[in-house]
Amino acid sequence: MTKNIDTHSLEILEEHMDKEYIIYKKFTQYANLCTDTQFKNLCAQNANTHKENFKALLNYLNGLN
């Protein structure tokens, strides 16, 4: 069954995915630059959270077909 999504909602979803990807990349960079182990791990965890958020949104989009 094909689900429809209006253009405005699709634009919002695309914008949110872009932001999740950017935040993921930034936290990954921060984790790579950190020398403090706790802060490095925190950045890596945050990167993973935003990566998973991005993947969830992508899976949602793929489920619309």
PDB file of N, CA and C in Angstrom:
ATOM      1  N   MET A   1       0.840  -1.180   0.000  1.00  0.00           N
ATOM      2  CA  MET A   1       0.000   0.000   0.000  1.00  0.00           C
ATOM      3  C   MET A   1       0.885   1.244   0.000  1.00  0.00           C
ATOM      4  N   THR A   2       0.634   2.133  -0.919  1.00  0.00           N
ATOM      5  CA  THR A   2       1.402   3.364  -1.022  1.00  0.00           C
ATOM      6  C   THR A   2       0.761   4.438  -0.162  1.00  0.00           C
ATOM      7  N   LYS A   3       1.578   5.089   0.645  1.00  0.00           N
ATOM      8  CA  LYS A   3       1.102   6.191   1.474  1.00  0.00           C
ATOM      9  C   LYS A   3       1.530   7.494   0.819  1.00  0.00           C
ATOM     10  N   ASN A   4       0.708   8.498   0.929  1.00  0.00           N
ATOM     11  CA  ASN A   4       1.033   9.802   0.362  1.00  0.00           C
ATOM     12  C   ASN A   4       1.488  10.744   1.459  1.00  0.00           C
ATOM     13  N   ILE A   5       2.399  11.621   1.093  1.00  0.00           N
ATOM     14  CA  ILE A   5       2.864  12.653   2.012  1.00  0.00           C
ATOM     15  C   ILE A   5       2.870  13.958   1.223  1.00  0.00           C
ATOM     16  N   ASP A   6       2.353  15.003   1.832  1.00  0.00           N
ATOM     17  CA  ASP A   6       2.282  16.267   1.107  1.00  0.00           C
ATOM     18  C   ASP A   6       3.672  16.893   0.996  1.00  0.00           C
ATOM     19  N   THR A   7       3.807  17.793   0.059  1.00  0.00           N
ATOM     20  CA  THR A   7       5.096  18.412  -0.250  1.00  0.00           C
ATOM     21  C   THR A   7       5.687  19.131   0.953  1.00  0.00           C
ATOM     22  N   HIS A   8       4.868  19.852   1.677  1.00  0.00           N
ATOM     23  CA  HIS A   8       5.357  20.594   2.842  1.00  0.00           C
ATOM     24  C   HIS A   8       5.937  19.643   3.891  1.00  0.00           C
ATOM     25  N   SER A   9       5.239  18.568   4.165  1.00  0.00           N
ATOM     26  CA  SER A   9       5.727  17.589   5.144  1.00  0.00           C
ATOM     27  C   SER A   9       7.017  16.938   4.670  1.00  0.00           C
ATOM     28  N   LEU A  10       7.103  16.684   3.386  1.00  0.00           N
ATOM     29  CA  LEU A  10       8.315  16.099   2.821  1.00  0.00           C
ATOM     30  C   LEU A  10       9.498  17.059   2.953  1.00  0.00           C
ATOM     31  N   GLU A  11       9.254  18.339   2.743  1.00  0.00           N
ATOM     32  CA  GLU A  11      10.306  19.349   2.899  1.00  0.00           C
ATOM     33  C   GLU A  11      10.776  19.426   4.349  1.00  0.00           C
ATOM     34  N   ILE A  12       9.843  19.365   5.280  1.00  0.00           N
ATOM     35  CA  ILE A  12      10.192  19.393   6.707  1.00  0.00           C
ATOM     36  C   ILE A  12      11.019  18.161   7.065  1.00  0.00           C
ATOM     37  N   LEU A  13      10.609  17.026   6.567  1.00  0.00           N
ATOM     38  CA  LEU A  13      11.330  15.781   6.821  1.00  0.00           C
ATOM     39  C   LEU A  13      12.746  15.842   6.240  1.00  0.00           C
ATOM     40  N   GLU A  14      12.861  16.363   5.039  1.00  0.00           N
ATOM     41  CA  GLU A  14      14.169  16.497   4.402  1.00  0.00           C
ATOM     42  C   GLU A  14      15.073  17.440   5.208  1.00  0.00           C
ATOM     43  N   GLU A  15      14.518  18.538   5.665  1.00  0.00           N
ATOM     44  CA  GLU A  15      15.282  19.492   6.470  1.00  0.00           C
ATOM     45  C   GLU A  15      15.745  18.850   7.782  1.00  0.00           C
ATOM     46  N   HIS A  16      14.861  18.093   8.392  1.00  0.00           N
ATOM     47  CA  HIS A  16      15.210  17.420   9.647  1.00  0.00           C
ATOM     48  C   HIS A  16      16.318  16.386   9.412  1.00  0.00           C
ATOM     49  N   MET A  17      16.229  15.661   8.312  1.00  0.00           N
ATOM     50  CA  MET A  17      17.272  14.684   7.987  1.00  0.00           C
ATOM     51  C   MET A  17      18.613  15.376   7.755  1.00  0.00           C
ATOM     52  N   ASP A  18      18.586  16.500   7.061  1.00  0.00           N
ATOM     53  CA  ASP A  18      19.819  17.263   6.833  1.00  0.00           C
ATOM     54  C   ASP A  18      20.447  17.675   8.158  1.00  0.00           C
ATOM     55  N   LYS A  19      19.621  18.147   9.077  1.00  0.00           N
ATOM     56  CA  LYS A  19      20.134  18.583  10.383  1.00  0.00           C
ATOM     57  C   LYS A  19      20.684  17.411  11.184  1.00  0.00           C
ATOM     58  N   GLU A  20      19.991  16.288  11.164  1.00  0.00           N
ATOM     59  CA  GLU A  20      20.482  15.104  11.878  1.00  0.00           C
ATOM     60  C   GLU A  20      21.839  14.676  11.326  1.00  0.00           C
ATOM     61  N   TYR A  21      21.988  14.722  10.014  1.00  0.00           N
ATOM     62  CA  TYR A  21      23.254  14.326   9.392  1.00  0.00           C
ATOM     63  C   TYR A  21      24.382  15.286   9.782  1.00  0.00           C
ATOM     64  N   ILE A  22      24.099  16.573   9.749  1.00  0.00           N
ATOM     65  CA  ILE A  22      25.116  17.573  10.110  1.00  0.00           C
ATOM     66  C   ILE A  22      25.538  17.410  11.564  1.00  0.00           C
ATOM     67  N   ILE A  23      24.567  17.224  12.446  1.00  0.00           N
ATOM     68  CA  ILE A  23      24.881  17.051  13.869  1.00  0.00           C
ATOM     69  C   ILE A  23      25.695  15.774  14.075  1.00  0.00           C
ATOM     70  N   TYR A  24      25.324  14.707  13.380  1.00  0.00           N
ATOM     71  CA  TYR A  24      26.087  13.456  13.448  1.00  0.00           C
ATOM     72  C   TYR A  24      27.540  13.691  13.037  1.00  0.00           C
ATOM     73  N   LYS A  25      27.741  14.376  11.916  1.00  0.00           N
ATOM     74  CA  LYS A  25      29.097  14.634  11.427  1.00  0.00           C
ATOM     75  C   LYS A  25      29.896  15.485  12.416  1.00  0.00           C
ATOM     76  N   LYS A  26      29.258  16.496  12.994  1.00  0.00           N
ATOM     77  CA  LYS A  26      29.959  17.365  13.945  1.00  0.00           C
ATOM     78  C   LYS A  26      30.378  16.596  15.193  1.00  0.00           C
ATOM     79  N   PHE A  27      29.467  15.808  15.751  1.00  0.00           N
ATOM     80  CA  PHE A  27      29.823  15.038  16.944  1.00  0.00           C
ATOM     81  C   PHE A  27      30.904  14.007  16.633  1.00  0.00           C
ATOM     82  N   THR A  28      30.891  13.458  15.428  1.00  0.00           N
ATOM     83  CA  THR A  28      31.944  12.525  15.028  1.00  0.00           C
ATOM     84  C   THR A  28      33.285  13.239  14.976  1.00  0.00           C
ATOM     85  N   GLN A  29      33.293  14.439  14.409  1.00  0.00           N
ATOM     86  CA  GLN A  29      34.525  15.232  14.366  1.00  0.00           C
ATOM     87  C   GLN A  29      35.000  15.569  15.773  1.00  0.00           C
ATOM     88  N   TYR A  30      34.076  15.978  16.635  1.00  0.00           N
ATOM     89  CA  TYR A  30      34.443  16.317  18.011  1.00  0.00           C
ATOM     90  C   TYR A  30      35.041  15.104  18.716  1.00  0.00           C
ATOM     91  N   ALA A  31      34.429  13.949  18.517  1.00  0.00           N
ATOM     92  CA  ALA A  31      34.935  12.727  19.155  1.00  0.00           C
ATOM     93  C   ALA A  31      36.350  12.418  18.681  1.00  0.00           C
ATOM     94  N   ASN A  32      36.604  12.649  17.408  1.00  0.00           N
ATOM     95  CA  ASN A  32      37.939  12.387  16.863  1.00  0.00           C
ATOM     96  C   ASN A  32      38.980  13.381  17.362  1.00  0.00           C
ATOM     97  N   LEU A  33      38.547  14.567  17.730  1.00  0.00           N
ATOM     98  CA  LEU A  33      39.477  15.597  18.192  1.00  0.00           C
ATOM     99  C   LEU A  33      39.729  15.559  19.698  1.00  0.00           C
ATOM    100  N   CYS A  34      38.816  14.961  20.433  1.00  0.00           N
ATOM    101  CA  CYS A  34      38.904  14.974  21.900  1.00  0.00           C
ATOM    102  C   CYS A  34      40.045  14.106  22.407  1.00  0.00           C
ATOM    103  N   THR A  35      40.674  14.600  23.449  1.00  0.00           N
ATOM    104  CA  THR A  35      41.692  13.803  24.128  1.00  0.00           C
ATOM    105  C   THR A  35      41.163  13.263  25.452  1.00  0.00           C
ATOM    106  N   ASP A  36      40.181  13.930  26.019  1.00  0.00           N
ATOM    107  CA  ASP A  36      39.552  13.467  27.253  1.00  0.00           C
ATOM    108  C   ASP A  36      38.636  12.287  26.922  1.00  0.00           C
ATOM    109  N   THR A  37      38.881  11.160  27.558  1.00  0.00           N
ATOM    110  CA  THR A  37      38.152   9.929  27.248  1.00  0.00           C
ATOM    111  C   THR A  37      36.654  10.057  27.491  1.00  0.00           C
ATOM    112  N   GLN A  38      36.274  10.653  28.607  1.00  0.00           N
ATOM    113  CA  GLN A  38      34.845  10.787  28.911  1.00  0.00           C
ATOM    114  C   GLN A  38      34.147  11.670  27.887  1.00  0.00           C
ATOM    115  N   PHE A  39      34.776  12.782  27.551  1.00  0.00           N
ATOM    116  CA  PHE A  39      34.172  13.691  26.586  1.00  0.00           C
ATOM    117  C   PHE A  39      34.136  13.054  25.196  1.00  0.00           C
ATOM    118  N   LYS A  40      35.194  12.331  24.857  1.00  0.00           N
ATOM    119  CA  LYS A  40      35.256  11.621  23.574  1.00  0.00           C
ATOM    120  C   LYS A  40      34.106  10.619  23.470  1.00  0.00           C
ATOM    121  N   ASN A  41      33.889   9.853  24.544  1.00  0.00           N
ATOM    122  CA  ASN A  41      32.803   8.869  24.555  1.00  0.00           C
ATOM    123  C   ASN A  41      31.434   9.535  24.479  1.00  0.00           C
ATOM    124  N   LEU A  42      31.277  10.646  25.170  1.00  0.00           N
ATOM    125  CA  LEU A  42      30.017  11.385  25.128  1.00  0.00           C
ATOM    126  C   LEU A  42      29.725  11.875  23.710  1.00  0.00           C
ATOM    127  N   CYS A  43      30.734  12.416  23.059  1.00  0.00           N
ATOM    128  CA  CYS A  43      30.564  12.881  21.678  1.00  0.00           C
ATOM    129  C   CYS A  43      30.229  11.718  20.748  1.00  0.00           C
ATOM    130  N   ALA A  44      30.894  10.599  20.940  1.00  0.00           N
ATOM    131  CA  ALA A  44      30.634   9.420  20.105  1.00  0.00           C
ATOM    132  C   ALA A  44      29.208   8.901  20.325  1.00  0.00           C
ATOM    133  N   GLN A  45      28.750   8.913  21.569  1.00  0.00           N
ATOM    134  CA  GLN A  45      27.380   8.479  21.862  1.00  0.00           C
ATOM    135  C   GLN A  45      26.366   9.407  21.205  1.00  0.00           C
ATOM    136  N   ASN A  46      26.623  10.709  21.286  1.00  0.00           N
ATOM    137  CA  ASN A  46      25.724  11.672  20.652  1.00  0.00           C
ATOM    138  C   ASN A  46      25.729  11.509  19.139  1.00  0.00           C
ATOM    139  N   ALA A  47      26.895  11.254  18.570  1.00  0.00           N
ATOM    140  CA  ALA A  47      26.982  11.016  17.126  1.00  0.00           C
ATOM    141  C   ALA A  47      26.127   9.818  16.750  1.00  0.00           C
ATOM    142  N   ASN A  48      26.229   8.759  17.528  1.00  0.00           N
ATOM    143  CA  ASN A  48      25.458   7.550  17.242  1.00  0.00           C
ATOM    144  C   ASN A  48      23.955   7.805  17.355  1.00  0.00           C
ATOM    145  N   THR A  49      23.552   8.579  18.342  1.00  0.00           N
ATOM    146  CA  THR A  49      22.130   8.912  18.504  1.00  0.00           C
ATOM    147  C   THR A  49      21.596   9.616  17.262  1.00  0.00           C
ATOM    148  N   HIS A  50      22.346  10.579  16.758  1.00  0.00           N
ATOM    149  CA  HIS A  50      21.884  11.333  15.592  1.00  0.00           C
ATOM    150  C   HIS A  50      21.961  10.505  14.312  1.00  0.00           C
ATOM    151  N   LYS A  51      22.904   9.590  14.256  1.00  0.00           N
ATOM    152  CA  LYS A  51      22.968   8.663  13.126  1.00  0.00           C
ATOM    153  C   LYS A  51      21.729   7.770  13.118  1.00  0.00           C
ATOM    154  N   GLU A  52      21.353   7.277  14.288  1.00  0.00           N
ATOM    155  CA  GLU A  52      20.163   6.433  14.401  1.00  0.00           C
ATOM    156  C   GLU A  52      18.891   7.225  14.081  1.00  0.00           C
ATOM    157  N   ASN A  53      18.844   8.487  14.501  1.00  0.00           N
ATOM    158  CA  ASN A  53      17.698   9.343  14.166  1.00  0.00           C
ATOM    159  C   ASN A  53      17.576   9.492  12.654  1.00  0.00           C
ATOM    160  N   PHE A  54      18.710   9.725  12.000  1.00  0.00           N
ATOM    161  CA  PHE A  54      18.724   9.856  10.541  1.00  0.00           C
ATOM    162  C   PHE A  54      18.223   8.572   9.888  1.00  0.00           C
ATOM    163  N   LYS A  55      18.729   7.442  10.365  1.00  0.00           N
ATOM    164  CA  LYS A  55      18.324   6.155   9.797  1.00  0.00           C
ATOM    165  C   LYS A  55      16.832   5.896  10.005  1.00  0.00           C
ATOM    166  N   ALA A  56      16.305   6.295  11.151  1.00  0.00           N
ATOM    167  CA  ALA A  56      14.875   6.110  11.420  1.00  0.00           C
ATOM    168  C   ALA A  56      14.031   6.935  10.449  1.00  0.00           C
ATOM    169  N   LEU A  57      14.460   8.160  10.194  1.00  0.00           N
ATOM    170  CA  LEU A  57      13.734   9.000   9.240  1.00  0.00           C
ATOM    171  C   LEU A  57      13.828   8.428   7.828  1.00  0.00           C
ATOM    172  N   LEU A  58      14.988   7.921   7.474  1.00  0.00           N
ATOM    173  CA  LEU A  58      15.163   7.308   6.162  1.00  0.00           C
ATOM    174  C   LEU A  58      14.284   6.068   6.023  1.00  0.00           C
ATOM    175  N   ASN A  59      14.233   5.261   7.064  1.00  0.00           N
ATOM    176  CA  ASN A  59      13.367   4.076   7.041  1.00  0.00           C
ATOM    177  C   ASN A  59      11.899   4.468   6.908  1.00  0.00           C
ATOM    178  N   TYR A  60      11.526   5.557   7.566  1.00  0.00           N
ATOM    179  CA  TYR A  60      10.156   6.052   7.443  1.00  0.00           C
ATOM    180  C   TYR A  60       9.860   6.418   5.993  1.00  0.00           C
ATOM    181  N   LEU A  61      10.789   7.147   5.382  1.00  0.00           N
ATOM    182  CA  LEU A  61      10.601   7.531   3.979  1.00  0.00           C
ATOM    183  C   LEU A  61      10.526   6.310   3.075  1.00  0.00           C
ATOM    184  N   ASN A  62      11.383   5.351   3.312  1.00  0.00           N
ATOM    185  CA  ASN A  62      11.372   4.136   2.500  1.00  0.00           C
ATOM    186  C   ASN A  62      10.075   3.357   2.674  1.00  0.00           C
ATOM    187  N   GLY A  63       9.454   3.484   3.831  1.00  0.00           N
ATOM    188  CA  GLY A  63       8.196   2.798   4.091  1.00  0.00           C
ATOM    189  C   GLY A  63       6.996   3.449   3.427  1.00  0.00           C
ATOM    190  N   LEU A  64       7.189   4.628   2.876  1.00  0.00           N
ATOM    191  CA  LEU A  64       6.084   5.320   2.203  1.00  0.00           C
ATOM    192  C   LEU A  64       5.793   4.732   0.838  1.00  0.00           C
ATOM    193  N   ASN A  65       6.723   3.983   0.294  1.00  0.00           N
ATOM    194  CA  ASN A  65       6.526   3.399  -1.045  1.00  0.00           C
ATOM    195  C   ASN A  65       5.723   2.131  -0.978  1.00  0.00           C
TER     196      ASN A  65
END
